[in-house]
PDB file of N, CA and C in Angstrom:
ATOM      1  N   MET A   1       0.851  -1.173   0.000  1.00  0.00           N
ATOM      2  CA  MET A   1       0.000   0.000   0.000  1.00  0.00           C
ATOM      3  C   MET A   1       0.892   1.231   0.000  1.00  0.00           C
ATOM      4  N   LYS A   2       0.570   2.197  -0.836  1.00  0.00           N
ATOM      5  CA  LYS A   2       1.346   3.422  -0.948  1.00  0.00           C
ATOM      6  C   LYS A   2       0.747   4.511  -0.057  1.00  0.00           C
ATOM      7  N   PHE A   3       1.638   5.277   0.589  1.00  0.00           N
ATOM      8  CA  PHE A   3       1.233   6.381   1.455  1.00  0.00           C
ATOM      9  C   PHE A   3       1.914   7.663   1.005  1.00  0.00           C
ATOM     10  N   ILE A   4       1.255   8.796   1.292  1.00  0.00           N
ATOM     11  CA  ILE A   4       1.899  10.102   1.152  1.00  0.00           C
ATOM     12  C   ILE A   4       1.758  10.818   2.489  1.00  0.00           C
ATOM     13  N   GLU A   5       2.694  11.711   2.764  1.00  0.00           N
ATOM     14  CA  GLU A   5       2.637  12.485   4.000  1.00  0.00           C
ATOM     15  C   GLU A   5       2.186  13.901   3.671  1.00  0.00           C
ATOM     16  N   LEU A   6       1.132  14.347   4.356  1.00  0.00           N
ATOM     17  CA  LEU A   6       0.624  15.702   4.179  1.00  0.00           C
ATOM     18  C   LEU A   6       0.434  16.376   5.528  1.00  0.00           C
ATOM     19  N   THR A   7       0.449  17.695   5.500  1.00  0.00           N
ATOM     20  CA  THR A   7       0.173  18.479   6.697  1.00  0.00           C
ATOM     21  C   THR A   7      -1.284  18.918   6.609  1.00  0.00           C
ATOM     22  N   LEU A   8      -2.103  18.400   7.522  1.00  0.00           N
ATOM     23  CA  LEU A   8      -3.545  18.634   7.482  1.00  0.00           C
ATOM     24  C   LEU A   8      -3.980  19.512   8.645  1.00  0.00           C
ATOM     25  N   LYS A   9      -5.055  20.234   8.425  1.00  0.00           N
ATOM     26  CA  LYS A   9      -5.543  21.135   9.473  1.00  0.00           C
ATOM     27  C   LYS A   9      -7.047  20.970   9.657  1.00  0.00           C
ATOM     28  N   ASN A  10      -7.807  22.006   9.412  1.00  0.00           N
ATOM     29  CA  ASN A  10      -9.262  21.964   9.606  1.00  0.00           C
ATOM     30  C   ASN A  10      -9.890  20.969   8.635  1.00  0.00           C
ATOM     31  N   HIS A  11     -11.052  20.454   9.014  1.00  0.00           N
ATOM     32  CA  HIS A  11     -11.698  19.479   8.142  1.00  0.00           C
ATOM     33  C   HIS A  11     -13.206  19.484   8.319  1.00  0.00           C
ATOM     34  N   ILE A  12     -13.875  18.931   7.318  1.00  0.00           N
ATOM     35  CA  ILE A  12     -15.326  18.798   7.327  1.00  0.00           C
ATOM     36  C   ILE A  12     -15.635  17.314   7.191  1.00  0.00           C
ATOM     37  N   ILE A  13     -16.366  16.785   8.160  1.00  0.00           N
ATOM     38  CA  ILE A  13     -16.739  15.369   8.146  1.00  0.00           C
ATOM     39  C   ILE A  13     -18.131  15.246   7.534  1.00  0.00           C
ATOM     40  N   LEU A  14     -18.245  14.406   6.520  1.00  0.00           N
ATOM     41  CA  LEU A  14     -19.543  14.119   5.910  1.00  0.00           C
ATOM     42  C   LEU A  14     -20.077  12.837   6.546  1.00  0.00           C
ATOM     43  N   HIS A  15     -21.130  12.979   7.342  1.00  0.00           N
ATOM     44  CA  HIS A  15     -21.707  11.844   8.062  1.00  0.00           C
ATOM     45  C   HIS A  15     -22.755  11.091   7.246  1.00  0.00           C
ATOM     46  N   GLY A  16     -23.266  11.726   6.198  1.00  0.00           N
ATOM     47  CA  GLY A  16     -24.293  11.097   5.379  1.00  0.00           C
ATOM     48  C   GLY A  16     -25.233  12.152   4.835  1.00  0.00           C
ATOM     49  N   PHE A  17     -26.454  11.721   4.549  1.00  0.00           N
ATOM     50  CA  PHE A  17     -27.444  12.617   3.956  1.00  0.00           C
ATOM     51  C   PHE A  17     -28.772  12.487   4.698  1.00  0.00           C
ATOM     52  N   ASP A  18     -29.507  13.598   4.754  1.00  0.00           N
ATOM     53  CA  ASP A  18     -30.810  13.562   5.410  1.00  0.00           C
ATOM     54  C   ASP A  18     -31.893  13.110   4.419  1.00  0.00           C
ATOM     55  N   ALA A  19     -33.136  13.164   4.849  1.00  0.00           N
ATOM     56  CA  ALA A  19     -34.254  12.706   4.021  1.00  0.00           C
ATOM     57  C   ALA A  19     -34.420  13.532   2.740  1.00  0.00           C
ATOM     58  N   ARG A  20     -33.908  14.752   2.741  1.00  0.00           N
ATOM     59  CA  ARG A  20     -33.996  15.624   1.561  1.00  0.00           C
ATOM     60  C   ARG A  20     -32.710  15.590   0.734  1.00  0.00           C
ATOM     61  N   ASP A  21     -31.854  14.623   1.026  1.00  0.00           N
ATOM     62  CA  ASP A  21     -30.594  14.418   0.319  1.00  0.00           C
ATOM     63  C   ASP A  21     -29.599  15.562   0.537  1.00  0.00           C
ATOM     64  N   LYS A  22     -29.736  16.249   1.679  1.00  0.00           N
ATOM     65  CA  LYS A  22     -28.803  17.305   2.047  1.00  0.00           C
ATOM     66  C   LYS A  22     -27.696  16.696   2.907  1.00  0.00           C
ATOM     67  N   GLU A  23     -26.456  17.107   2.645  1.00  0.00           N
ATOM     68  CA  GLU A  23     -25.324  16.574   3.398  1.00  0.00           C
ATOM     69  C   GLU A  23     -25.456  16.879   4.896  1.00  0.00           C
ATOM     70  N   ILE A  24     -25.114  15.909   5.724  1.00  0.00           N
ATOM     71  CA  ILE A  24     -25.017  16.097   7.168  1.00  0.00           C
ATOM     72  C   ILE A  24     -23.523  16.202   7.454  1.00  0.00           C
ATOM     73  N   THR A  25     -23.073  17.406   7.804  1.00  0.00           N
ATOM     74  CA  THR A  25     -21.646  17.638   7.995  1.00  0.00           C
ATOM     75  C   THR A  25     -21.332  18.161   9.392  1.00  0.00           C
ATOM     76  N   GLU A  26     -20.073  18.010   9.753  1.00  0.00           N
ATOM     77  CA  GLU A  26     -19.552  18.521  11.015  1.00  0.00           C
ATOM     78  C   GLU A  26     -18.231  19.226  10.695  1.00  0.00           C
ATOM     79  N   GLU A  27     -18.161  20.524  10.976  1.00  0.00           N
ATOM     80  CA  GLU A  27     -16.935  21.283  10.720  1.00  0.00           C
ATOM     81  C   GLU A  27     -16.054  21.248  11.952  1.00  0.00           C
ATOM     82  N   VAL A  28     -14.780  20.908  11.744  1.00  0.00           N
ATOM     83  CA  VAL A  28     -13.820  20.804  12.840  1.00  0.00           C
ATOM     84  C   VAL A  28     -12.666  21.761  12.578  1.00  0.00           C
ATOM     85  N   GLU A  29     -12.450  22.680  13.520  1.00  0.00           N
ATOM     86  CA  GLU A  29     -11.322  23.604  13.428  1.00  0.00           C
ATOM     87  C   GLU A  29     -10.319  23.240  14.505  1.00  0.00           C
ATOM     88  N   VAL A  30      -9.066  23.124  14.095  1.00  0.00           N
ATOM     89  CA  VAL A  30      -8.008  22.775  15.042  1.00  0.00           C
ATOM     90  C   VAL A  30      -7.045  23.935  15.170  1.00  0.00           C
ATOM     91  N   GLU A  31      -6.365  23.965  16.302  1.00  0.00           N
ATOM     92  CA  GLU A  31      -5.434  25.047  16.570  1.00  0.00           C
ATOM     93  C   GLU A  31      -4.169  24.948  15.740  1.00  0.00           C
ATOM     94  N   LYS A  32      -3.708  23.727  15.547  1.00  0.00           N
ATOM     95  CA  LYS A  32      -2.415  23.513  14.913  1.00  0.00           C
ATOM     96  C   LYS A  32      -2.511  22.400  13.870  1.00  0.00           C
ATOM     97  N   ALA A  33      -1.880  22.617  12.729  1.00  0.00           N
ATOM     98  CA  ALA A  33      -1.825  21.587  11.688  1.00  0.00           C
ATOM     99  C   ALA A  33      -0.927  20.446  12.153  1.00  0.00           C
ATOM    100  N   SER A  34      -1.166  19.254  11.606  1.00  0.00           N
ATOM    101  CA  SER A  34      -0.322  18.104  11.957  1.00  0.00           C
ATOM    102  C   SER A  34      -0.062  17.257  10.718  1.00  0.00           C
ATOM    103  N   LYS A  35       1.089  16.593  10.728  1.00  0.00           N
ATOM    104  CA  LYS A  35       1.466  15.717   9.616  1.00  0.00           C
ATOM    105  C   LYS A  35       0.758  14.381   9.771  1.00  0.00           C
ATOM    106  N   LYS A  36       0.291  13.847   8.645  1.00  0.00           N
ATOM    107  CA  LYS A  36      -0.389  12.552   8.655  1.00  0.00           C
ATOM    108  C   LYS A  36       0.048  11.759   7.425  1.00  0.00           C
ATOM    109  N   LEU A  37       0.167  10.449   7.606  1.00  0.00           N
ATOM    110  CA  LEU A  37       0.380   9.546   6.481  1.00  0.00           C
ATOM    111  C   LEU A  37      -0.986   9.119   5.975  1.00  0.00           C
ATOM    112  N   ILE A  38      -1.192   9.251   4.683  1.00  0.00           N
ATOM    113  CA  ILE A  38      -2.491   8.941   4.086  1.00  0.00           C
ATOM    114  C   ILE A  38      -2.312   7.840   3.052  1.00  0.00           C
ATOM    115  N   ALA A  39      -3.125   6.800   3.157  1.00  0.00           N
ATOM    116  CA  ALA A  39      -3.110   5.732   2.164  1.00  0.00           C
ATOM    117  C   ALA A  39      -3.675   6.291   0.859  1.00  0.00           C
ATOM    118  N   VAL A  40      -2.908   6.178  -0.208  1.00  0.00           N
ATOM    119  CA  VAL A  40      -3.306   6.746  -1.491  1.00  0.00           C
ATOM    120  C   VAL A  40      -4.625   6.156  -1.977  1.00  0.00           C
ATOM    121  N   ASP A  41      -4.877   4.890  -1.701  1.00  0.00           N
ATOM    122  CA  ASP A  41      -6.118   4.289  -2.189  1.00  0.00           C
ATOM    123  C   ASP A  41      -7.367   4.784  -1.467  1.00  0.00           C
ATOM    124  N   ARG A  42      -7.205   5.590  -0.412  1.00  0.00           N
ATOM    125  CA  ARG A  42      -8.352   6.194   0.279  1.00  0.00           C
ATOM    126  C   ARG A  42      -8.699   7.581  -0.245  1.00  0.00           C
ATOM    127  N   ILE A  43      -7.830   8.142  -1.088  1.00  0.00           N
ATOM    128  CA  ILE A  43      -8.044   9.486  -1.621  1.00  0.00           C
ATOM    129  C   ILE A  43      -9.060   9.431  -2.753  1.00  0.00           C
ATOM    130  N   LEU A  44     -10.113  10.235  -2.626  1.00  0.00           N
ATOM    131  CA  LEU A  44     -11.160  10.284  -3.644  1.00  0.00           C
ATOM    132  C   LEU A  44     -10.930  11.412  -4.647  1.00  0.00           C
ATOM    133  N   SER A  45     -10.466  12.565  -4.148  1.00  0.00           N
ATOM    134  CA  SER A  45     -10.175  13.690  -5.040  1.00  0.00           C
ATOM    135  C   SER A  45      -9.322  14.711  -4.301  1.00  0.00           C
ATOM    136  N   ILE A  46      -8.821  15.650  -5.076  1.00  0.00           N
ATOM    137  CA  ILE A  46      -7.986  16.712  -4.512  1.00  0.00           C
ATOM    138  C   ILE A  46      -8.283  18.011  -5.253  1.00  0.00           C
ATOM    139  N   SER A  47      -8.346  19.105  -4.498  1.00  0.00           N
ATOM    140  CA  SER A  47      -8.518  20.429  -5.091  1.00  0.00           C
ATOM    141  C   SER A  47      -7.384  21.310  -4.561  1.00  0.00           C
ATOM    142  N   GLU A  48      -7.405  22.579  -4.904  1.00  0.00           N
ATOM    143  CA  GLU A  48      -6.340  23.464  -4.441  1.00  0.00           C
ATOM    144  C   GLU A  48      -6.368  23.686  -2.937  1.00  0.00           C
ATOM    145  N   LYS A  49      -7.484  23.389  -2.295  1.00  0.00           N
ATOM    146  CA  LYS A  49      -7.600  23.630  -0.856  1.00  0.00           C
ATOM    147  C   LYS A  49      -7.862  22.352  -0.055  1.00  0.00           C
ATOM    148  N   PHE A  50      -8.609  21.405  -0.624  1.00  0.00           N
ATOM    149  CA  PHE A  50      -9.026  20.222   0.121  1.00  0.00           C
ATOM    150  C   PHE A  50      -8.574  18.924  -0.533  1.00  0.00           C
ATOM    151  N   ILE A  51      -8.372  17.929   0.317  1.00  0.00           N
ATOM    152  CA  ILE A  51      -8.182  16.560  -0.143  1.00  0.00           C
ATOM    153  C   ILE A  51      -9.326  15.752   0.465  1.00  0.00           C
ATOM    154  N   LEU A  52     -10.018  15.006  -0.365  1.00  0.00           N
ATOM    155  CA  LEU A  52     -11.187  14.246   0.059  1.00  0.00           C
ATOM    156  C   LEU A  52     -10.768  12.801   0.302  1.00  0.00           C
ATOM    157  N   ILE A  53     -10.972  12.333   1.536  1.00  0.00           N
ATOM    158  CA  ILE A  53     -10.503  11.009   1.940  1.00  0.00           C
ATOM    159  C   ILE A  53     -11.661  10.203   2.510  1.00  0.00           C
ATOM    160  N   LYS A  54     -11.734   8.928   2.115  1.00  0.00           N
ATOM    161  CA  LYS A  54     -12.784   8.038   2.636  1.00  0.00           C
ATOM    162  C   LYS A  54     -12.242   7.259   3.831  1.00  0.00           C
ATOM    163  N   TYR A  55     -13.123   7.023   4.787  1.00  0.00           N
ATOM    164  CA  TYR A  55     -12.796   6.283   6.000  1.00  0.00           C
ATOM    165  C   TYR A  55     -13.831   5.181   6.204  1.00  0.00           C
ATOM    166  N   ALA A  56     -13.655   4.411   7.242  1.00  0.00           N
ATOM    167  CA  ALA A  56     -14.589   3.330   7.563  1.00  0.00           C
ATOM    168  C   ALA A  56     -15.989   3.887   7.802  1.00  0.00           C
ATOM    169  N   TYR A  57     -16.964   3.014   7.724  1.00  0.00           N
ATOM    170  CA  TYR A  57     -18.369   3.351   7.976  1.00  0.00           C
ATOM    171  C   TYR A  57     -18.898   4.390   6.992  1.00  0.00           C
ATOM    172  N   ASN A  58     -18.359   4.383   5.769  1.00  0.00           N
ATOM    173  CA  ASN A  58     -18.789   5.288   4.703  1.00  0.00           C
ATOM    174  C   ASN A  58     -18.640   6.766   5.056  1.00  0.00           C
ATOM    175  N   ARG A  59     -17.736   7.066   5.949  1.00  0.00           N
ATOM    176  CA  ARG A  59     -17.491   8.455   6.318  1.00  0.00           C
ATOM    177  C   ARG A  59     -16.466   9.050   5.359  1.00  0.00           C
ATOM    178  N   ILE A  60     -16.695  10.282   4.966  1.00  0.00           N
ATOM    179  CA  ILE A  60     -15.796  10.995   4.062  1.00  0.00           C
ATOM    180  C   ILE A  60     -15.395  12.295   4.750  1.00  0.00           C
ATOM    181  N   ILE A  61     -14.109  12.655   4.628  1.00  0.00           N
ATOM    182  CA  ILE A  61     -13.627  13.877   5.266  1.00  0.00           C
ATOM    183  C   ILE A  61     -12.919  14.754   4.239  1.00  0.00           C
ATOM    184  N   TYR A  62     -13.315  16.024   4.211  1.00  0.00           N
ATOM    185  CA  TYR A  62     -12.644  17.036   3.416  1.00  0.00           C
ATOM    186  C   TYR A  62     -11.589  17.687   4.318  1.00  0.00           C
ATOM    187  N   TRP A  63     -10.320  17.415   4.069  1.00  0.00           N
ATOM    188  CA  TRP A  63      -9.233  17.973   4.872  1.00  0.00           C
ATOM    189  C   TRP A  63      -8.606  19.169   4.165  1.00  0.00           C
ATOM    190  N   GLU A  64      -8.359  20.253   4.903  1.00  0.00           N
ATOM    191  CA  GLU A  64      -7.526  21.334   4.386  1.00  0.00           C
ATOM    192  C   GLU A  64      -6.088  20.858   4.487  1.00  0.00           C
ATOM    193  N   TYR A  65      -5.312  21.083   3.460  1.00  0.00           N
ATOM    194  CA  TYR A  65      -3.900  20.722   3.531  1.00  0.00           C
ATOM    195  C   TYR A  65      -3.041  21.955   3.297  1.00  0.00           C
ATOM    196  N   ILE A  66      -1.808  21.922   3.813  1.00  0.00           N
ATOM    197  CA  ILE A  66      -0.921  23.078   3.790  1.00  0.00           C
ATOM    198  C   ILE A  66      -0.043  23.105   2.536  1.00  0.00           C
ATOM    199  N   GLU A  67       0.337  21.941   2.032  1.00  0.00           N
ATOM    200  CA  GLU A  67       1.246  21.859   0.902  1.00  0.00           C
ATOM    201  C   GLU A  67       0.662  22.506  -0.352  1.00  0.00           C
ATOM    202  N   ASP A  68       1.540  22.773  -1.292  1.00  0.00           N
ATOM    203  CA  ASP A  68       1.157  23.325  -2.583  1.00  0.00           C
ATOM    204  C   ASP A  68       0.448  22.253  -3.420  1.00  0.00           C
ATOM    205  N   TYR A  69      -0.590  22.636  -4.126  1.00  0.00           N
ATOM    206  CA  TYR A  69      -1.380  21.700  -4.943  1.00  0.00           C
ATOM    207  C   TYR A  69      -0.500  20.919  -5.919  1.00  0.00           C
ATOM    208  N   ASP A  70       0.376  21.620  -6.645  1.00  0.00           N
ATOM    209  CA  ASP A  70       1.221  20.952  -7.633  1.00  0.00           C
ATOM    210  C   ASP A  70       2.166  19.942  -6.981  1.00  0.00           C
ATOM    211  N   ARG A  71       2.629  20.239  -5.782  1.00  0.00           N
ATOM    212  CA  ARG A  71       3.488  19.297  -5.067  1.00  0.00           C
ATOM    213  C   ARG A  71       2.708  18.028  -4.715  1.00  0.00           C
ATOM    214  N   VAL A  72       1.484  18.186  -4.238  1.00  0.00           N
ATOM    215  CA  VAL A  72       0.658  17.034  -3.885  1.00  0.00           C
ATOM    216  C   VAL A  72       0.343  16.218  -5.126  1.00  0.00           C
ATOM    217  N   LYS A  73       0.038  16.898  -6.209  1.00  0.00           N
ATOM    218  CA  LYS A  73      -0.243  16.214  -7.475  1.00  0.00           C
ATOM    219  C   LYS A  73       0.961  15.382  -7.914  1.00  0.00           C
ATOM    220  N   THR A  74       2.147  15.944  -7.797  1.00  0.00           N
ATOM    221  CA  THR A  74       3.378  15.225  -8.160  1.00  0.00           C
ATOM    222  C   THR A  74       3.578  14.017  -7.254  1.00  0.00           C
ATOM    223  N   MET A  75       3.305  14.175  -5.958  1.00  0.00           N
ATOM    224  CA  MET A  75       3.443  13.068  -5.019  1.00  0.00           C
ATOM    225  C   MET A  75       2.513  11.907  -5.410  1.00  0.00           C
ATOM    226  N   LEU A  76       1.310  12.231  -5.851  1.00  0.00           N
ATOM    227  CA  LEU A  76       0.336  11.204  -6.220  1.00  0.00           C
ATOM    228  C   LEU A  76       0.684  10.536  -7.549  1.00  0.00           C
ATOM    229  N   GLU A  77       1.314  11.271  -8.436  1.00  0.00           N
ATOM    230  CA  GLU A  77       1.668  10.722  -9.739  1.00  0.00           C
ATOM    231  C   GLU A  77       2.873   9.796  -9.674  1.00  0.00           C
ATOM    232  N   SER A  78       3.724   9.966  -8.673  1.00  0.00           N
ATOM    233  CA  SER A  78       4.946   9.145  -8.607  1.00  0.00           C
ATOM    234  C   SER A  78       4.733   7.842  -7.875  1.00  0.00           C
TER     235      SER A  78
END
């Protein structure tokens, strides 16, 4: 399994959807960013601000990351 290391900070947890198909989310703000190893096969998408990662129990988290988008893209391509 391949991993990449990113510095992650605030995040939005997607818990599911309500009866009207609206996302049920929880916003989490942290004081300090921290480095995390992320399994590449858990990454669903990446934007200039967020990396979308799937977790157990069908939970999805939008993480803010500190690194430059192009650097992260290069890490994923290699």
